[in-house]
Amino acid sequence: MAMAATHILRGATAHADSPAIYVGDDTLTFQQVNDRANLIAHHLLAAGVQKGAHVALLVNNGLNSVPMDFAAIKTGVVRVPLNARLSLDEHAAMVEGSRASVVVADASLIERATELAGRIDGLQILGLGAQAEGIADLLEPADGPIGEPDVELSPDDPTLLLYTSGTTGKLKAVIHTQGSYGAICTNILANLLDPRHDSVMLHAASLIHASGTFVLPYWVRGGASAILPGFEPASFAAAIARYRVTEINLVPTMFAMLLSTGVLADADLSSLRKVIYGASPMPAPVLERSIEAFGPILAQYYGQTEAPLVIAALDEQAHADRSLWGACGMPSTDVELTLLDDDGREVPRGEIGEITLRAPFQMAGYFDADELNAATFTPDGWIKTRDLARFDERGYLHLVDRTSDMIITGGYNVYPREVEDALASHPGVAECAVVGAPDEKWVEAVTAFVVVAPGAQVSESELIEHVRGLIAAHKAPKTVHLVEAIPKSAVGKILRRALREPLWEASK
């Protein structure tokens, strides 16, 4: 099993003078990226950050994103990426929950890092191109040549601790190792992409999410990564021509925004070879318009943080068959996958069961969560995904539902319990429930139902702003319905499905 660190060194050696990273007007070659990664690694080790240390990363998309990730992999430290969109409270919970002892921040986020240091005793702050008093900069030039870090690594060494919410909204962190992260690279190359020396992938989504997993496959094959600070339709469309982009990776919300703004009408898309999408269900009208705009070059992947990136894929040829729109696709060549009933027995083809899998790219487990690991792994190491699906007669996998009530809005996972807890903290809220409603822009919109406390007076806008003050803005409800009662089961459990289904039925 090739480790992530092995892939990095092989790519740097094989493609040294080729362009590897484009950011704005700046270009870094493979050798320059590797040299910068080694410089960061040198400073990490000099600062006492040794193999196995948990290092939280507050790093936005930029010229140093990839070198920072590579440096962490080379030194054997465990990356804990923090989404810059989250609140201070959420960041603090992640740093403490992951037992991170260090935070590395770029110039745009160094202030948040110092806020965290003020709340968490003993937290070490390091800058990444950030000039701040009393904070060492990992990009400070070295006194002499810097070689590869002298750190012994093995496939079982943890390299990434990536947060994903639990079914109850409680934070949980997935552990990936040098081996599993290397296998993610191999999985993408075997099942989704075949980059060449002249290939360029455009990244607009945060590199801490799925977008970042594409960097290493391109690196190994000599392809480049063009990195944008974020997604804005006009600049995204212009970047395709500017960098002669051959592949793009989008979530359905991004397609909807590109189509609705009309930026594709005059865009030069002639360099594109493949358009990839995933992360959330693609509405059929959006898919149809996207194929019209880009041509018959769309492919879909289905995966999870626990098993990234490609559990199943629906290729360009399959998209020609409209009956397959909405399918996950064919299981990947490097995954063992079965559908099980509640008793752990394989279901017949056509019937619904829980997707259960085993693959070299699966997580090592959840960090510091013995009970959750026991519930997730079978005794022989298979992962129970909590996703329900069925196989059709041709062997295509179709996702049916989630065993949890997760909402995917704009490509981000939102769990109702977290939003409900924020709503319930308002004194005017007696009861509440949160579900996902269909939305043309966001695919699913966070929608709340609230029973107002006796004698209280609250407005929709007041409740939305209250939630925004407690958790990330993208998790706040887009709509709040004030109702007389919340439907419940005989044992008092909130029936979210009873709230959700009428919203979806009304949209048909």
Protein backbone atom coordinates (compact mmCIF):
# COMPACT_ATOMS: atom_id res chain seq x y z
CA MET A 1 0.00 0.00 0.00
CA ALA A 2 1.54 3.30 -1.14
CA MET A 3 1.52 5.94 1.57
CA ALA A 4 0.48 9.56 1.01
CA ALA A 5 4.06 10.68 1.68
CA THR A 6 5.34 8.26 -0.98
CA HIS A 7 2.98 9.75 -3.59
CA ILE A 8 4.24 13.27 -2.78
CA LEU A 9 7.90 12.40 -3.25
CA ARG A 10 7.27 10.42 -6.43
CA GLY A 11 5.33 13.28 -8.02
CA ALA A 12 7.92 15.88 -7.04
CA THR A 13 10.73 13.77 -8.50
CA ALA A 14 8.99 12.84 -11.73
CA HIS A 15 7.57 16.26 -12.64
CA ALA A 16 9.98 18.68 -10.94
CA ASP A 17 9.92 21.55 -13.46
CA SER A 18 6.26 21.32 -14.53
CA PRO A 19 3.65 23.74 -13.19
CA ALA A 20 1.81 22.21 -10.22
CA ILE A 21 -0.16 25.06 -8.63
CA TYR A 22 -1.85 28.14 -10.11
CA VAL A 23 -3.20 30.83 -7.78
CA GLY A 24 -4.07 34.16 -9.38
CA ASP A 25 -0.98 35.28 -11.31
CA ASP A 26 1.32 33.00 -9.32
CA THR A 27 2.61 29.60 -10.41
CA LEU A 28 4.56 27.04 -8.42
CA THR A 29 6.34 24.10 -10.03
CA PHE A 30 6.34 20.64 -8.49
CA GLN A 31 9.85 21.28 -7.17
CA GLN A 32 8.85 24.63 -5.68
CA VAL A 33 5.82 23.13 -3.94
CA ASN A 34 7.94 20.31 -2.55
CA ASP A 35 10.67 22.71 -1.42
CA ARG A 36 8.09 24.91 0.32
CA ALA A 37 6.56 21.85 1.99
CA ASN A 38 10.02 20.83 3.23
CA LEU A 39 10.62 24.36 4.57
CA ILE A 40 7.34 24.25 6.51
CA ALA A 41 8.20 20.75 7.74
CA HIS A 42 11.62 21.99 8.93
CA HIS A 43 10.03 24.83 10.91
CA LEU A 44 7.35 22.54 12.38
CA LEU A 45 9.97 20.16 13.72
CA ALA A 46 12.14 23.05 14.96
CA ALA A 47 9.12 24.41 16.85
CA GLY A 48 8.78 21.10 18.67
CA VAL A 49 5.84 19.85 16.61
CA GLN A 50 6.73 16.18 16.30
CA LYS A 51 5.24 13.17 14.56
CA GLY A 52 1.84 12.29 16.02
CA ALA A 53 1.03 15.84 17.21
CA HIS A 54 -2.50 17.03 16.38
CA VAL A 55 -2.28 20.31 14.46
CA ALA A 56 -5.42 22.35 13.72
CA LEU A 57 -5.28 24.19 10.39
CA LEU A 58 -6.95 27.56 9.83
CA VAL A 59 -5.87 27.89 6.21
CA ASN A 60 -8.00 29.28 3.39
CA ASN A 61 -7.53 28.28 -0.24
CA GLY A 62 -4.29 29.83 -1.46
CA LEU A 63 -0.73 29.37 -2.64
CA ASN A 64 0.33 27.69 0.61
CA SER A 65 -2.62 25.32 1.11
CA VAL A 66 -1.02 22.37 -0.67
CA PRO A 67 2.53 22.90 0.71
CA MET A 68 1.06 23.02 4.24
CA ASP A 69 -0.83 19.76 3.75
CA PHE A 70 2.23 18.09 2.22
CA ALA A 71 4.46 19.30 5.07
CA ALA A 72 2.11 17.79 7.62
CA ILE A 73 2.05 14.49 5.76
CA LYS A 74 5.86 14.43 5.46
CA THR A 75 6.40 15.10 9.19
CA GLY A 76 3.76 12.65 10.34
CA VAL A 77 1.72 15.25 12.22
CA VAL A 78 -2.04 14.81 12.20
CA ARG A 79 -3.91 17.54 10.34
CA VAL A 80 -7.16 18.80 11.89
CA PRO A 81 -8.64 21.14 9.23
CA LEU A 82 -11.00 23.82 10.55
CA ASN A 83 -13.65 25.27 8.25
CA ALA A 84 -13.13 29.04 8.25
CA ARG A 85 -16.91 29.57 8.01
CA LEU A 86 -17.51 28.20 11.50
CA SER A 87 -17.89 30.23 14.69
CA LEU A 88 -15.31 30.70 17.44
CA ASP A 89 -17.29 28.37 19.71
CA GLU A 90 -17.33 25.68 17.02
CA HIS A 91 -13.62 26.05 16.36
CA ALA A 92 -12.85 25.86 20.08
CA ALA A 93 -14.93 22.69 20.40
CA MET A 94 -13.03 21.10 17.50
CA VAL A 95 -9.60 22.06 18.83
CA GLU A 96 -10.41 20.74 22.30
CA GLY A 97 -12.23 17.65 21.00
CA SER A 98 -9.36 16.70 18.72
CA ARG A 99 -6.79 17.37 21.44
CA ALA A 100 -4.89 19.62 19.06
CA SER A 101 -1.87 21.22 20.72
CA VAL A 102 -1.02 23.55 17.83
CA VAL A 103 -2.95 25.84 15.48
CA VAL A 104 -1.43 26.93 12.17
CA ALA A 105 -3.13 29.98 10.65
CA ASP A 106 -2.61 31.99 7.48
CA ALA A 107 -2.76 35.79 7.40
CA SER A 108 -6.53 35.88 6.86
CA LEU A 109 -7.24 33.74 9.95
CA ILE A 110 -4.44 34.56 12.38
CA GLU A 111 -6.81 36.71 14.46
CA ARG A 112 -9.13 33.73 14.99
CA ALA A 113 -6.11 31.65 16.02
CA THR A 114 -5.14 34.18 18.68
CA GLU A 115 -8.75 34.18 19.93
CA LEU A 116 -8.51 30.40 20.32
CA ALA A 117 -5.22 30.73 22.18
CA GLY A 118 -6.95 33.09 24.59
CA ARG A 119 -9.57 30.44 25.36
CA ILE A 120 -7.48 27.27 25.40
CA ASP A 121 -4.55 27.05 27.78
CA GLY A 122 -1.23 25.97 26.32
CA LEU A 123 -2.31 26.20 22.67
CA GLN A 124 0.68 26.92 20.43
CA ILE A 125 0.08 29.27 17.46
CA LEU A 126 2.19 29.21 14.31
CA GLY A 127 1.75 31.45 11.29
CA LEU A 128 1.70 30.49 7.62
CA GLY A 129 2.81 33.66 5.90
CA ALA A 130 1.19 35.60 8.74
CA GLN A 131 3.19 38.44 10.27
CA ALA A 132 2.09 38.65 13.89
CA GLU A 133 4.05 39.67 16.98
CA GLY A 134 5.36 36.74 18.98
CA ILE A 135 4.19 34.16 16.42
CA ALA A 136 6.72 32.18 14.40
CA ASP A 137 6.18 32.06 10.63
CA LEU A 138 6.50 28.65 8.98
CA LEU A 139 7.52 30.35 5.73
CA GLU A 140 10.50 32.17 7.21
CA PRO A 141 13.50 31.52 4.91
CA ALA A 142 15.96 28.96 6.26
CA ASP A 143 19.68 29.55 6.75
CA GLY A 144 20.65 26.83 4.31
CA PRO A 145 19.30 24.08 2.01
CA ILE A 146 16.40 22.04 3.36
CA GLY A 147 16.01 18.38 2.41
CA GLU A 148 13.27 15.85 3.05
CA PRO A 149 12.34 15.63 6.74
CA ASP A 150 13.97 12.72 8.56
CA VAL A 151 10.79 11.14 9.91
CA GLU A 152 10.03 7.43 9.75
CA LEU A 153 6.48 6.81 8.58
CA SER A 154 4.30 3.71 8.28
CA PRO A 155 0.95 3.07 6.55
CA ASP A 156 -0.88 2.88 9.90
CA ASP A 157 0.27 6.33 11.07
CA PRO A 158 -2.66 8.78 11.38
CA THR A 159 -2.34 11.74 9.01
CA LEU A 160 -5.78 13.38 8.98
CA LEU A 161 -8.49 13.95 11.58
CA LEU A 162 -11.49 15.34 9.69
CA TYR A 163 -14.64 16.49 11.44
CA THR A 164 -18.09 15.41 10.38
CA SER A 165 -21.21 15.76 12.50
CA GLY A 166 -22.91 12.75 14.05
CA THR A 167 -26.54 11.79 13.69
CA THR A 168 -27.30 13.63 16.93
CA GLY A 169 -25.37 16.71 15.83
CA LYS A 170 -22.48 15.83 18.14
CA LEU A 171 -19.07 16.47 16.66
CA LYS A 172 -17.16 13.42 15.51
CA ALA A 173 -13.82 13.20 13.75
CA VAL A 174 -12.79 10.64 11.16
CA ILE A 175 -9.21 9.31 11.27
CA HIS A 176 -7.36 8.64 8.02
CA THR A 177 -3.88 7.16 7.92
CA GLN A 178 -0.88 7.46 5.60
CA GLY A 179 -2.12 4.25 3.99
CA SER A 180 -5.80 5.13 3.63
CA TYR A 181 -5.01 8.64 2.33
CA GLY A 182 -2.67 7.10 -0.24
CA ALA A 183 -5.44 4.65 -1.17
CA ILE A 184 -7.87 7.57 -1.74
CA CYS A 185 -5.49 8.77 -4.45
CA THR A 186 -5.40 5.33 -6.07
CA ASN A 187 -9.19 5.02 -5.79
CA ILE A 188 -9.80 8.29 -7.65
CA LEU A 189 -7.37 7.34 -10.42
CA ALA A 190 -8.94 3.89 -10.83
CA ASN A 191 -12.59 4.92 -10.81
CA LEU A 192 -13.15 8.56 -11.69
CA LEU A 193 -10.27 10.46 -13.29
CA ASP A 194 -7.32 9.83 -15.60
CA PRO A 195 -5.25 13.05 -15.47
CA ARG A 196 -2.34 13.62 -17.86
CA HIS A 197 0.69 15.93 -17.88
CA ASP A 198 -1.42 18.70 -19.46
CA SER A 199 -4.40 18.23 -17.12
CA VAL A 200 -5.58 21.09 -14.90
CA MET A 201 -8.30 20.78 -12.26
CA LEU A 202 -9.99 23.95 -11.03
CA HIS A 203 -10.67 24.13 -7.29
CA ALA A 204 -13.21 26.61 -5.94
CA ALA A 205 -14.55 24.63 -2.99
CA SER A 206 -12.47 24.53 0.17
CA LEU A 207 -9.52 22.16 -0.14
CA ILE A 208 -10.29 20.75 3.31
CA HIS A 209 -13.33 19.00 1.80
CA ALA A 210 -13.68 16.60 -1.15
CA SER A 211 -11.98 19.04 -3.53
CA GLY A 212 -8.69 18.56 -1.70
CA THR A 213 -8.62 14.81 -2.34
CA PHE A 214 -8.12 15.49 -6.06
CA VAL A 215 -4.80 17.29 -5.56
CA LEU A 216 -2.69 14.18 -4.96
CA PRO A 217 -4.00 12.17 -7.98
CA TYR A 218 -3.13 15.08 -10.26
CA TRP A 219 0.23 15.51 -8.52
CA VAL A 220 1.16 11.87 -9.12
CA ARG A 221 0.30 12.06 -12.82
CA GLY A 222 1.91 15.48 -13.44
CA GLY A 223 -1.33 17.43 -13.65
CA ALA A 224 -1.83 20.87 -12.11
CA SER A 225 -4.28 22.36 -9.61
CA ALA A 226 -5.71 25.84 -10.21
CA ILE A 227 -6.96 27.17 -6.89
CA LEU A 228 -9.54 29.92 -6.36
CA PRO A 229 -10.23 31.53 -2.97
CA GLY A 230 -13.87 30.49 -3.19
CA PHE A 231 -16.75 30.01 -5.60
CA GLU A 232 -18.13 33.02 -7.47
CA PRO A 233 -19.81 32.20 -10.80
CA ALA A 234 -18.21 34.83 -13.06
CA SER A 235 -14.65 34.35 -11.80
CA PHE A 236 -15.05 30.57 -11.89
CA ALA A 237 -16.19 30.61 -15.51
CA ALA A 238 -13.36 32.99 -16.46
CA ALA A 239 -10.78 30.79 -14.72
CA ILE A 240 -11.67 27.81 -16.94
CA ALA A 241 -10.33 29.67 -19.98
CA ARG A 242 -7.51 31.43 -18.12
CA TYR A 243 -5.87 28.23 -16.89
CA ARG A 244 -7.08 25.99 -19.75
CA VAL A 245 -8.86 23.84 -17.20
CA THR A 246 -9.54 20.25 -18.23
CA GLU A 247 -11.64 19.08 -15.25
CA ILE A 248 -13.90 20.77 -12.71
CA ASN A 249 -15.58 19.41 -9.60
CA LEU A 250 -18.87 20.97 -8.50
CA VAL A 251 -21.72 20.43 -6.08
CA PRO A 252 -25.28 20.82 -7.44
CA THR A 253 -25.68 24.29 -5.91
CA MET A 254 -22.71 25.52 -7.94
CA PHE A 255 -24.28 24.24 -11.17
CA ALA A 256 -27.51 26.06 -10.32
CA MET A 257 -25.61 29.32 -9.72
CA LEU A 258 -23.59 29.03 -12.93
CA LEU A 259 -26.76 28.41 -14.92
CA SER A 260 -28.92 31.07 -13.27
CA THR A 261 -26.33 33.85 -13.62
CA GLY A 262 -25.78 33.21 -17.33
CA VAL A 263 -21.98 33.30 -17.00
CA LEU A 264 -21.57 30.16 -19.12
CA ALA A 265 -23.18 31.73 -22.20
CA ASP A 266 -20.00 33.51 -23.32
CA ALA A 267 -17.47 31.37 -21.44
CA ASP A 268 -14.74 29.48 -23.28
CA LEU A 269 -15.27 25.89 -22.16
CA SER A 270 -13.32 24.30 -25.01
CA SER A 271 -10.54 22.97 -22.77
CA LEU A 272 -12.90 20.93 -20.55
CA ARG A 273 -12.71 17.15 -20.79
CA LYS A 274 -14.75 16.14 -17.76
CA VAL A 275 -17.17 17.72 -15.29
CA ILE A 276 -17.52 15.90 -11.97
CA TYR A 277 -20.21 16.33 -9.36
CA GLY A 278 -21.10 14.85 -6.00
CA ALA A 279 -21.75 15.69 -2.32
CA SER A 280 -25.54 15.95 -2.60
CA PRO A 281 -28.42 14.83 -4.86
CA MET A 282 -28.56 16.50 -8.27
CA PRO A 283 -32.08 17.66 -9.25
CA ALA A 284 -32.99 16.35 -12.70
CA PRO A 285 -33.77 19.80 -14.20
CA VAL A 286 -30.35 21.09 -13.09
CA LEU A 287 -28.62 18.00 -14.48
CA GLU A 288 -30.40 18.34 -17.82
CA ARG A 289 -29.42 22.00 -18.18
CA SER A 290 -25.85 21.24 -17.08
CA ILE A 291 -25.43 18.59 -19.78
CA GLU A 292 -26.77 21.09 -22.31
CA ALA A 293 -24.26 23.71 -21.12
CA PHE A 294 -21.14 21.55 -20.77
CA GLY A 295 -21.88 18.70 -23.16
CA PRO A 296 -22.02 14.94 -22.44
CA ILE A 297 -18.98 15.02 -20.14
CA LEU A 298 -20.61 14.84 -16.68
CA ALA A 299 -19.72 12.11 -14.18
CA GLN A 300 -20.92 11.63 -10.62
CA TYR A 301 -19.30 10.10 -7.56
CA TYR A 302 -20.81 8.87 -4.30
CA GLY A 303 -18.66 8.75 -1.18
CA GLN A 304 -18.45 9.63 2.48
CA THR A 305 -15.90 11.25 4.78
CA GLU A 306 -15.55 7.78 6.28
CA ALA A 307 -14.73 6.28 2.86
CA PRO A 308 -13.63 8.94 0.39
CA LEU A 309 -13.86 9.50 -2.34
CA VAL A 310 -15.44 7.08 -4.76
CA ILE A 311 -17.61 4.34 -3.31
CA ALA A 312 -19.59 4.29 -6.56
CA ALA A 313 -19.45 6.29 -9.79
CA LEU A 314 -21.87 7.12 -12.61
CA ASP A 315 -19.75 7.78 -15.69
CA GLU A 316 -20.43 9.91 -18.77
CA GLN A 317 -21.83 7.00 -20.78
CA ALA A 318 -24.33 6.12 -18.04
CA HIS A 319 -25.58 9.72 -18.04
CA ALA A 320 -26.91 9.15 -21.54
CA ASP A 321 -29.55 6.92 -19.94
CA ARG A 322 -32.03 9.21 -18.16
CA SER A 323 -33.35 6.32 -16.07
CA LEU A 324 -30.00 6.32 -14.27
CA TRP A 325 -30.13 10.00 -13.32
CA GLY A 326 -30.06 10.07 -9.55
CA ALA A 327 -28.27 6.73 -9.25
CA CYS A 328 -25.00 6.55 -7.34
CA GLY A 329 -23.55 4.44 -10.12
CA MET A 330 -21.51 1.27 -10.21
CA PRO A 331 -19.50 0.30 -7.12
CA SER A 332 -15.81 1.12 -7.46
CA THR A 333 -13.35 -1.59 -8.47
CA ASP A 334 -11.49 -1.35 -5.16
CA VAL A 335 -14.47 -1.59 -2.80
CA GLU A 336 -16.38 -4.58 -1.42
CA LEU A 337 -19.99 -3.46 -1.01
CA THR A 338 -23.14 -5.17 0.16
CA LEU A 339 -26.61 -4.13 1.32
CA LEU A 340 -27.71 -5.50 4.69
CA ASP A 341 -31.02 -5.62 6.52
CA ASP A 342 -31.49 -4.79 10.22
CA ASP A 343 -30.37 -8.30 11.14
CA GLY A 344 -27.12 -8.03 9.18
CA ARG A 345 -28.27 -10.26 6.31
CA GLU A 346 -27.68 -9.39 2.66
CA VAL A 347 -30.88 -8.27 0.94
CA PRO A 348 -31.94 -9.56 -2.48
CA ARG A 349 -31.36 -7.36 -5.52
CA GLY A 350 -34.06 -4.70 -5.78
CA GLU A 351 -34.68 -4.56 -2.04
CA ILE A 352 -33.47 -1.81 0.29
CA GLY A 353 -30.61 -2.33 2.71
CA GLU A 354 -27.87 -0.39 4.48
CA ILE A 355 -24.74 0.18 2.41
CA THR A 356 -21.96 -1.73 4.15
CA LEU A 357 -18.46 -1.73 2.72
CA ARG A 358 -14.81 -2.57 3.10
CA ALA A 359 -12.07 -0.77 1.16
CA PRO A 360 -8.40 0.24 1.45
CA PHE A 361 -9.46 3.91 1.50
CA GLN A 362 -11.84 3.60 4.45
CA MET A 363 -11.19 5.42 7.72
CA ALA A 364 -9.31 3.85 10.60
CA GLY A 365 -12.20 4.88 12.86
CA TYR A 366 -13.64 7.84 14.71
CA PHE A 367 -11.33 9.65 17.12
CA ASP A 368 -11.98 9.09 20.80
CA ALA A 369 -15.37 7.46 20.16
CA ASP A 370 -15.35 3.82 21.22
CA GLU A 371 -19.14 3.40 21.29
CA LEU A 372 -19.56 4.97 17.86
CA ASN A 373 -16.80 2.80 16.42
CA ALA A 374 -18.44 -0.31 17.88
CA ALA A 375 -21.74 0.69 16.25
CA THR A 376 -20.12 1.54 12.90
CA PHE A 377 -17.73 -1.37 12.29
CA THR A 378 -18.73 -4.99 11.91
CA PRO A 379 -16.53 -7.53 13.75
CA ASP A 380 -14.63 -8.22 10.51
CA GLY A 381 -13.94 -4.54 9.75
CA TRP A 382 -16.73 -3.53 7.38
CA ILE A 383 -18.23 -0.03 7.72
CA LYS A 384 -21.96 0.42 8.17
CA THR A 385 -22.58 3.69 6.33
CA ARG A 386 -26.09 4.49 7.65
CA ASP A 387 -27.13 5.08 4.01
CA LEU A 388 -30.00 3.02 2.64
CA ALA A 389 -29.90 1.91 -1.00
CA ARG A 390 -30.93 -0.73 -3.50
CA PHE A 391 -29.32 -2.37 -6.52
CA ASP A 392 -31.24 -2.39 -9.80
CA GLU A 393 -31.25 -5.31 -12.22
CA ARG A 394 -28.10 -4.03 -13.98
CA GLY A 395 -26.10 -3.63 -10.77
CA TYR A 396 -26.36 0.14 -10.43
CA LEU A 397 -26.58 1.42 -6.87
CA HIS A 398 -29.48 3.76 -6.03
CA LEU A 399 -29.45 5.73 -2.77
CA VAL A 400 -32.89 5.70 -1.15
CA ASP A 401 -32.59 7.57 2.14
CA ARG A 402 -30.33 8.27 5.08
CA THR A 403 -30.75 6.49 8.34
CA SER A 404 -30.09 9.89 9.90
CA ASP A 405 -31.90 13.11 9.09
CA MET A 406 -28.90 14.94 7.73
CA ILE A 407 -29.59 17.95 5.52
CA ILE A 408 -27.21 18.71 2.64
CA THR A 409 -27.49 22.40 1.78
CA GLY A 410 -25.15 23.93 -0.76
CA GLY A 411 -22.85 20.92 -0.43
CA TYR A 412 -22.53 21.31 3.37
CA ASN A 413 -23.80 18.80 5.89
CA VAL A 414 -26.22 20.19 8.48
CA TYR A 415 -27.67 18.06 11.25
CA PRO A 416 -31.10 19.04 12.59
CA ARG A 417 -30.24 18.46 16.24
CA GLU A 418 -27.51 21.12 16.21
CA VAL A 419 -29.88 23.71 14.75
CA GLU A 420 -32.67 22.64 17.11
CA ASP A 421 -30.38 23.09 20.12
CA ALA A 422 -29.57 26.63 18.98
CA LEU A 423 -33.25 27.45 18.44
CA ALA A 424 -34.28 25.92 21.75
CA SER A 425 -31.91 28.25 23.61
CA HIS A 426 -34.16 31.18 22.67
CA PRO A 427 -36.53 31.92 25.58
CA GLY A 428 -39.48 32.28 23.22
CA VAL A 429 -39.16 28.74 21.84
CA ALA A 430 -41.14 25.99 23.54
CA GLU A 431 -40.49 23.25 21.00
CA CYS A 432 -38.86 22.99 17.60
CA ALA A 433 -37.92 20.60 14.79
CA VAL A 434 -35.68 21.10 11.77
CA VAL A 435 -35.86 19.39 8.37
CA GLY A 436 -34.62 19.93 4.83
CA ALA A 437 -37.01 21.43 2.28
CA PRO A 438 -36.51 21.39 -1.51
CA ASP A 439 -34.80 24.51 -2.82
CA GLU A 440 -33.75 25.41 -6.39
CA LYS A 441 -30.54 27.13 -5.29
CA TRP A 442 -29.42 25.16 -2.21
CA VAL A 443 -30.95 21.77 -3.19
CA GLU A 444 -32.11 21.49 0.44
CA ALA A 445 -32.95 24.49 2.60
CA VAL A 446 -32.77 24.27 6.39
CA THR A 447 -36.37 24.71 7.52
CA ALA A 448 -37.57 25.01 11.11
CA PHE A 449 -40.92 24.42 12.78
CA VAL A 450 -41.33 26.24 16.08
CA VAL A 451 -43.94 26.16 18.84
CA VAL A 452 -43.81 29.52 20.63
CA ALA A 453 -43.67 29.50 24.41
CA PRO A 454 -46.89 30.66 26.15
CA GLY A 455 -47.04 34.45 26.40
CA ALA A 456 -43.96 34.96 24.20
CA GLN A 457 -43.79 36.88 20.96
CA VAL A 458 -41.12 35.98 18.40
CA SER A 459 -40.62 36.60 14.70
CA GLU A 460 -39.05 34.47 11.99
CA SER A 461 -36.19 36.94 11.46
CA GLU A 462 -35.47 37.13 15.19
CA LEU A 463 -35.12 33.35 15.46
CA ILE A 464 -32.91 33.11 12.37
CA GLU A 465 -30.58 35.80 13.72
CA HIS A 466 -30.49 34.07 17.10
CA VAL A 467 -29.27 30.86 15.48
CA ARG A 468 -26.72 32.74 13.35
CA GLY A 469 -25.24 34.12 16.54
CA LEU A 470 -24.59 30.63 17.90
CA ILE A 471 -23.56 28.45 14.95
CA ALA A 472 -22.30 28.92 11.40
CA ALA A 473 -24.56 31.06 9.22
CA HIS A 474 -25.07 28.35 6.56
CA LYS A 475 -26.64 26.12 9.23
CA ALA A 476 -29.29 28.69 10.19
CA PRO A 477 -32.86 28.14 8.96
CA LYS A 478 -33.82 29.79 5.68
CA THR A 479 -37.46 29.57 6.79
CA VAL A 480 -39.18 29.29 10.18
CA HIS A 481 -42.78 28.09 10.43
CA LEU A 482 -44.59 29.02 13.66
CA VAL A 483 -46.93 26.12 14.43
CA GLU A 484 -49.29 24.98 17.18
CA ALA A 485 -47.64 21.57 17.70
CA ILE A 486 -44.82 19.32 16.52
CA PRO A 487 -45.88 15.80 15.38
CA LYS A 488 -44.55 13.02 17.61
CA SER A 489 -44.61 9.25 17.81
CA ALA A 490 -46.39 7.30 20.52
CA VAL A 491 -43.23 7.38 22.62
CA GLY A 492 -42.77 11.11 22.17
CA LYS A 493 -40.12 11.08 19.44
CA ILE A 494 -40.35 13.97 16.98
CA LEU A 495 -41.53 12.76 13.57
CA ARG A 496 -39.36 14.79 11.24
CA ARG A 497 -40.55 12.78 8.27
CA ALA A 498 -44.13 14.00 8.91
CA LEU A 499 -42.85 17.56 8.59
CA ARG A 500 -40.49 16.93 5.68
CA GLU A 501 -42.65 14.86 3.33
CA PRO A 502 -45.39 17.47 2.73
CA LEU A 503 -42.73 20.02 1.76
CA TRP A 504 -41.29 17.67 -0.86
CA GLU A 505 -44.71 16.55 -2.12
CA ALA A 506 -45.71 20.19 -2.64
CA SER A 507 -42.64 20.79 -4.80
CA LYS A 508 -43.44 18.05 -7.33
